[in-house]
Amino acid sequence: MNSKFETFRHYYELTKPRVVALIVFTAVVGMLLAVPGRVPWQPLVFGSLGIWLAAASAAAINHILDRRADAIMARTKNRPLPKGKVATRPALVFAVILGILSMTILVCLVNSLTAVLTFLSLIGYAIVYTIYLKRATPQNIVVGGAAGAMPPVLGWVAVTGDIHPYSLLLFLIIFIWTPPHFWALAVNRRREYSDVDIPMLPVTHGAEFTRLQITLYTALLFVVTLLPWLTGMSGWIYLLAVAFLNLRFLYLAVKLQLTADDTIAIKTFVFSISYLMFLFSALLIDHYFQ
C-alpha cells in the first residue's frame, strides 16, 4: 500500500502541483469574470479539469526534457526523474495520457476553441519554451511567458466561446508579471543556471543588469494592472488592492536593486506568487461585490 502511494506521489510531483494550482486558479477566475452572474456548471467543471490536465501534461513533459539539467541543479535534483523514482518512458506515457484526456474533455464537453488554445499553450510551454527558447536566448522567459499567461483567456473562452478584450488584459498582466517573478529566482540561482549552460538573463548579462530589469518590469506591471480599472472592467475594490500589492512589489524590486542582496531576490520571488493570487482574488471580489 505504501509502495503504491509512493508511486502515486512521484507521478503527482511530475505535474508540478503548486504551479498548476496557480494556473487553474487564474483560469477559474477568468471563467467567473466572463459572465455577470452564475457560471454554467459544465464549462466551470470540465473546463477546469481539462486545463488542469493540460497544464499537468506540460509540466511532466518539462520534467522529462529537463531531467539532465535538473540532476545538477540543487533546486531540482530531488525531482522524481533525477532521483530515479520514475523512469523516462513511463513518465512520457503519463504525460501523453494526461494530454489526450485534456483534449478529449475540452473538445467533447467544453468547446473546440478552448481545446485549440489549450493545446497551443501546452506545446508552447512544453516544447517551444523548454526545448528551444530556454536555451536559445536570455529573453527566454519573456517570449515563453506567453504560454504561461494564457490560462485566464482559456477560462474565459471555456465559458463564452470567444476571446474578449478583457480576457486579453488578464493575459497581459500575467505576461508582464512573469519576467520579474522568474528573474528574481534566477538572480538567486544564477550559478546553478550557469552550471547547466542555460542562458538566463543574470548568467548572460549579470545580476546587476537583471535587477534593473526586474525594477523596470515591476514598474511596467504597476501601469498594466491599472488597465482593468481604467477600462471599466473593475472598480475601486480592485484598484485599492492592486495599488497596495504594486507598492509592495515595487518596494522589494527597488530594495533588491539597491542592496544587491540575493536573499531579497528569493523574498521577491516568493512575494510575486502571492501577488498574483491576491490580484486575481481582488478582481474576483470586485466583480461580485462592487
Protein backbone atom coordinates (compact mmCIF):
# COMPACT_ATOMS: atom_id res chain seq x y z
CA MET A 1 0.00 0.00 0.00
CA ASN A 2 2.81 2.38 0.92
CA SER A 3 4.62 1.49 -2.29
CA LYS A 4 1.55 2.36 -4.39
CA PHE A 5 1.13 5.63 -2.51
CA GLU A 6 4.80 6.50 -3.08
CA THR A 7 4.44 5.77 -6.79
CA PHE A 8 1.35 7.95 -6.97
CA ARG A 9 3.17 10.73 -5.13
CA HIS A 10 6.10 10.63 -7.54
CA TYR A 11 3.84 10.86 -10.59
CA TYR A 12 1.88 13.62 -8.90
CA GLU A 13 5.13 15.54 -8.38
CA LEU A 14 5.74 15.35 -12.13
CA THR A 15 2.69 17.58 -12.61
CA LYS A 16 4.22 20.47 -10.61
CA PRO A 17 1.06 20.66 -8.46
CA ARG A 18 1.72 24.07 -6.88
CA VAL A 19 2.46 25.73 -10.21
CA VAL A 20 -0.53 24.05 -11.84
CA ALA A 21 -2.78 25.09 -8.95
CA LEU A 22 -1.96 28.75 -9.66
CA ILE A 23 -2.60 28.17 -13.37
CA VAL A 24 -6.01 26.63 -12.72
CA PHE A 25 -6.86 29.35 -10.21
CA THR A 26 -6.27 32.11 -12.79
CA ALA A 27 -8.26 30.10 -15.35
CA VAL A 28 -11.21 29.76 -12.96
CA VAL A 29 -11.09 33.49 -12.23
CA GLY A 30 -11.23 34.07 -15.98
CA MET A 31 -14.36 31.91 -16.11
CA LEU A 32 -16.04 33.75 -13.26
CA LEU A 33 -15.21 37.18 -14.69
CA ALA A 34 -16.58 36.22 -18.10
CA VAL A 35 -20.24 36.46 -17.05
CA PRO A 36 -22.12 38.82 -14.70
CA GLY A 37 -23.88 36.09 -12.78
CA ARG A 38 -23.54 32.38 -12.18
CA VAL A 39 -21.18 30.43 -14.42
CA PRO A 40 -22.76 27.36 -16.10
CA TRP A 41 -21.54 24.27 -14.26
CA GLN A 42 -20.34 22.33 -17.32
CA PRO A 43 -17.65 24.73 -18.58
CA LEU A 44 -16.68 25.50 -15.00
CA VAL A 45 -16.13 21.86 -14.02
CA PHE A 46 -14.92 20.34 -17.27
CA GLY A 47 -13.05 23.46 -18.38
CA SER A 48 -11.12 23.49 -15.11
CA LEU A 49 -10.42 19.77 -15.37
CA GLY A 50 -9.27 19.99 -18.98
CA ILE A 51 -6.99 22.95 -18.32
CA TRP A 52 -5.58 21.23 -15.23
CA LEU A 53 -4.81 18.06 -17.18
CA ALA A 54 -3.15 20.04 -19.99
CA ALA A 55 -1.01 22.02 -17.55
CA ALA A 56 -0.08 18.81 -15.73
CA SER A 57 0.88 17.18 -19.03
CA ALA A 58 3.05 20.15 -19.98
CA ALA A 59 4.72 20.07 -16.56
CA ALA A 60 5.50 16.36 -16.89
CA ILE A 61 6.99 16.88 -20.37
CA ASN A 62 9.08 19.72 -18.93
CA HIS A 63 10.37 17.33 -16.25
CA ILE A 64 11.33 14.79 -18.91
CA LEU A 65 13.13 17.24 -21.17
CA ASP A 66 14.97 18.96 -18.31
CA ARG A 67 15.88 15.81 -16.36
CA ARG A 68 19.64 16.05 -17.01
CA ALA A 69 19.88 19.70 -16.01
CA ASP A 70 17.58 19.04 -13.05
CA ALA A 71 20.02 16.41 -11.78
CA ILE A 72 22.75 19.06 -11.48
CA MET A 73 20.79 21.98 -10.03
CA ALA A 74 20.30 21.99 -6.26
CA ARG A 75 16.75 23.32 -6.59
CA THR A 76 15.62 20.43 -8.80
CA LYS A 77 17.93 17.48 -8.09
CA ASN A 78 15.34 15.77 -5.88
CA ARG A 79 12.66 15.67 -8.55
CA PRO A 80 11.33 12.17 -9.39
CA LEU A 81 13.25 11.68 -12.66
CA PRO A 82 16.73 12.74 -11.46
CA LYS A 83 16.29 10.63 -8.33
CA GLY A 84 15.26 7.62 -10.40
CA LYS A 85 11.85 7.35 -8.75
CA VAL A 86 10.13 7.41 -12.14
CA ALA A 87 11.63 6.16 -15.41
CA THR A 88 11.59 8.34 -18.54
CA ARG A 89 9.33 6.16 -20.69
CA PRO A 90 6.53 5.73 -18.12
CA ALA A 91 6.72 9.47 -17.42
CA LEU A 92 6.26 10.18 -21.13
CA VAL A 93 3.31 7.79 -21.34
CA PHE A 94 1.81 9.51 -18.29
CA ALA A 95 2.23 12.95 -19.87
CA VAL A 96 0.71 11.83 -23.18
CA ILE A 97 -2.30 10.26 -21.42
CA LEU A 98 -2.90 13.48 -19.49
CA GLY A 99 -2.71 15.49 -22.71
CA ILE A 100 -5.13 13.19 -24.56
CA LEU A 101 -7.60 13.26 -21.67
CA SER A 102 -7.38 17.04 -21.57
CA MET A 103 -8.11 17.47 -25.28
CA THR A 104 -10.92 14.91 -25.20
CA ILE A 105 -12.66 16.65 -22.31
CA LEU A 106 -12.26 20.13 -23.79
CA VAL A 107 -13.43 19.14 -27.28
CA CYS A 108 -16.36 16.99 -26.17
CA LEU A 109 -17.56 18.79 -23.07
CA VAL A 110 -16.43 22.43 -23.39
CA ASN A 111 -15.71 23.86 -26.87
CA SER A 112 -13.23 23.49 -29.70
CA LEU A 113 -11.69 26.96 -29.36
CA THR A 114 -10.73 26.27 -25.74
CA ALA A 115 -9.21 22.95 -26.82
CA VAL A 116 -7.17 24.56 -29.63
CA LEU A 117 -5.87 27.39 -27.44
CA THR A 118 -5.06 24.99 -24.60
CA PHE A 119 -3.20 22.67 -26.98
CA LEU A 120 -1.17 25.60 -28.36
CA SER A 121 -0.33 26.67 -24.80
CA LEU A 122 0.77 23.13 -23.94
CA ILE A 123 3.02 22.96 -26.99
CA GLY A 124 4.28 26.50 -26.38
CA TYR A 125 5.48 25.69 -22.87
CA ALA A 126 6.41 22.03 -23.06
CA ILE A 127 8.09 22.09 -26.47
CA VAL A 128 8.84 25.59 -27.80
CA TYR A 129 9.96 27.06 -24.46
CA THR A 130 11.58 24.01 -22.87
CA ILE A 131 13.41 22.68 -25.95
CA TYR A 132 14.25 25.87 -27.83
CA LEU A 133 13.69 29.20 -26.10
CA LYS A 134 15.06 28.22 -22.70
CA ARG A 135 18.48 27.51 -24.16
CA ALA A 136 18.43 29.91 -27.11
CA THR A 137 18.08 33.39 -25.63
CA PRO A 138 18.28 35.27 -22.31
CA GLN A 139 14.84 36.60 -23.21
CA ASN A 140 13.53 33.04 -22.91
CA ILE A 141 11.16 33.76 -20.06
CA VAL A 142 9.82 36.91 -21.75
CA VAL A 143 8.90 35.18 -25.01
CA GLY A 144 7.96 31.89 -23.39
CA GLY A 145 5.81 33.70 -20.85
CA ALA A 146 3.04 33.95 -23.45
CA ALA A 147 2.12 30.30 -22.89
CA GLY A 148 2.01 30.76 -19.13
CA ALA A 149 -0.19 33.84 -19.46
CA MET A 150 -2.95 32.01 -21.34
CA PRO A 151 -4.98 30.36 -18.51
CA PRO A 152 -7.41 33.25 -17.81
CA VAL A 153 -8.06 33.51 -21.55
CA LEU A 154 -8.70 29.77 -21.67
CA GLY A 155 -11.11 30.06 -18.76
CA TRP A 156 -12.94 32.97 -20.36
CA VAL A 157 -13.23 31.16 -23.71
CA ALA A 158 -14.45 27.99 -21.98
CA VAL A 159 -17.49 29.92 -20.74
CA THR A 160 -18.22 32.30 -23.62
CA GLY A 161 -16.72 30.58 -26.66
CA ASP A 162 -14.87 33.70 -27.80
CA ILE A 163 -11.87 35.85 -26.91
CA HIS A 164 -12.95 39.07 -25.17
CA PRO A 165 -10.64 42.11 -24.87
CA TYR A 166 -10.95 41.91 -21.07
CA SER A 167 -9.52 38.39 -21.13
CA LEU A 168 -6.55 39.79 -23.04
CA LEU A 169 -5.99 42.28 -20.21
CA LEU A 170 -5.67 39.33 -17.84
CA PHE A 171 -3.23 37.74 -20.28
CA LEU A 172 -1.20 40.96 -20.39
CA ILE A 173 -0.99 41.17 -16.60
CA ILE A 174 0.48 37.67 -16.29
CA PHE A 175 2.72 38.21 -19.31
CA ILE A 176 4.31 41.31 -17.75
CA TRP A 177 4.39 39.69 -14.29
CA THR A 178 6.36 36.66 -15.46
CA PRO A 179 9.80 38.25 -16.07
CA PRO A 180 10.22 39.96 -12.67
CA HIS A 181 8.75 36.87 -11.00
CA PHE A 182 11.14 34.42 -12.62
CA TRP A 183 14.20 36.68 -12.87
CA ALA A 184 14.09 37.17 -9.11
CA LEU A 185 14.54 33.41 -8.75
CA ALA A 186 17.17 33.37 -11.49
CA VAL A 187 19.23 36.02 -9.69
CA ASN A 188 19.24 33.88 -6.58
CA ARG A 189 20.06 30.71 -8.54
CA ARG A 190 22.26 32.18 -11.28
CA ARG A 191 25.25 29.95 -10.52
CA GLU A 192 23.11 26.86 -10.92
CA TYR A 193 21.80 28.06 -14.29
CA SER A 194 25.38 28.82 -15.33
CA ASP A 195 26.45 25.28 -14.37
CA VAL A 196 23.90 23.76 -16.76
CA ASP A 197 24.51 26.31 -19.57
CA ILE A 198 21.02 27.79 -19.50
CA PRO A 199 21.35 31.43 -20.64
CA MET A 200 19.13 33.08 -18.07
CA LEU A 201 19.49 36.86 -18.00
CA PRO A 202 21.66 37.06 -14.85
CA VAL A 203 24.02 34.49 -16.43
CA THR A 204 24.42 36.31 -19.75
CA HIS A 205 24.10 39.95 -18.64
CA GLY A 206 24.93 39.82 -14.95
CA ALA A 207 22.91 40.11 -11.77
CA GLU A 208 23.08 43.91 -11.63
CA PHE A 209 21.53 44.32 -15.08
CA THR A 210 18.85 41.74 -14.22
CA ARG A 211 17.95 43.56 -11.01
CA LEU A 212 17.42 46.72 -13.05
CA GLN A 213 15.17 44.81 -15.46
CA ILE A 214 13.17 43.47 -12.51
CA THR A 215 12.59 47.02 -11.30
CA LEU A 216 11.60 48.26 -14.76
CA TYR A 217 9.23 45.38 -15.41
CA THR A 218 7.68 45.80 -11.97
CA ALA A 219 7.08 49.48 -12.73
CA LEU A 220 5.51 48.49 -16.05
CA LEU A 221 3.39 45.94 -14.21
CA PHE A 222 2.15 48.75 -11.95
CA VAL A 223 0.83 50.55 -15.02
CA VAL A 224 -0.59 47.47 -16.75
CA THR A 225 -2.50 46.33 -13.67
CA LEU A 226 -4.34 49.65 -13.62
CA LEU A 227 -5.92 48.88 -17.01
CA PRO A 228 -8.82 46.79 -15.63
CA TRP A 229 -9.88 49.81 -13.58
CA LEU A 230 -9.19 52.35 -16.34
CA THR A 231 -11.24 50.36 -18.87
CA GLY A 232 -14.18 49.84 -16.53
CA MET A 233 -13.59 46.12 -16.13
CA SER A 234 -13.18 46.53 -12.37
CA GLY A 235 -13.89 49.09 -9.68
CA TRP A 236 -12.49 50.64 -6.51
CA ILE A 237 -12.07 47.43 -4.55
CA TYR A 238 -9.66 46.12 -7.15
CA LEU A 239 -7.89 49.48 -7.51
CA LEU A 240 -7.16 49.76 -3.79
CA ALA A 241 -5.96 46.16 -3.57
CA VAL A 242 -3.73 46.34 -6.61
CA ALA A 243 -2.24 49.68 -5.51
CA PHE A 244 -1.12 48.11 -2.23
CA LEU A 245 0.21 44.99 -3.99
CA ASN A 246 2.11 47.04 -6.55
CA LEU A 247 3.70 49.27 -3.94
CA ARG A 248 4.92 46.21 -2.06
CA PHE A 249 6.25 44.54 -5.21
CA LEU A 250 7.97 47.73 -6.34
CA TYR A 251 9.49 48.22 -2.87
CA LEU A 252 11.03 44.75 -3.00
CA ALA A 253 12.28 45.25 -6.55
CA VAL A 254 13.95 48.57 -5.71
CA LYS A 255 15.39 47.14 -2.49
CA LEU A 256 16.80 44.22 -4.46
CA GLN A 257 18.40 46.61 -6.93
CA LEU A 258 19.91 48.87 -4.27
CA THR A 259 21.16 46.22 -1.87
CA ALA A 260 22.20 43.51 -4.35
CA ASP A 261 21.19 41.00 -1.69
CA ASP A 262 20.34 37.56 -3.04
CA THR A 263 18.12 36.83 -0.03
CA ILE A 264 15.93 39.75 -1.13
CA ALA A 265 15.74 38.11 -4.55
CA ILE A 266 14.14 34.99 -3.15
CA LYS A 267 11.79 37.10 -0.98
CA THR A 268 10.76 38.97 -4.12
CA PHE A 269 10.15 35.68 -5.93
CA VAL A 270 8.02 34.30 -3.10
CA PHE A 271 6.01 37.52 -2.80
CA SER A 272 5.39 37.61 -6.54
CA ILE A 273 3.45 34.34 -6.26
CA SER A 274 1.23 35.77 -3.52
CA TYR A 275 0.96 38.97 -5.55
CA LEU A 276 -0.65 37.20 -8.48
CA MET A 277 -3.00 35.20 -6.27
CA PHE A 278 -4.17 38.28 -4.37
CA LEU A 279 -4.50 40.35 -7.55
CA PHE A 280 -6.79 37.80 -9.20
CA SER A 281 -8.69 37.38 -5.94
CA ALA A 282 -9.22 41.15 -5.84
CA LEU A 283 -10.56 41.06 -9.40
CA LEU A 284 -13.00 38.37 -8.36
CA ILE A 285 -14.15 40.10 -5.17
CA ASP A 286 -14.59 43.36 -7.05
CA HIS A 287 -16.58 41.56 -9.76
CA TYR A 288 -19.17 40.23 -7.30
CA PHE A 289 -19.30 42.95 -4.65
CA GLN A 290 -18.62 46.24 -6.44
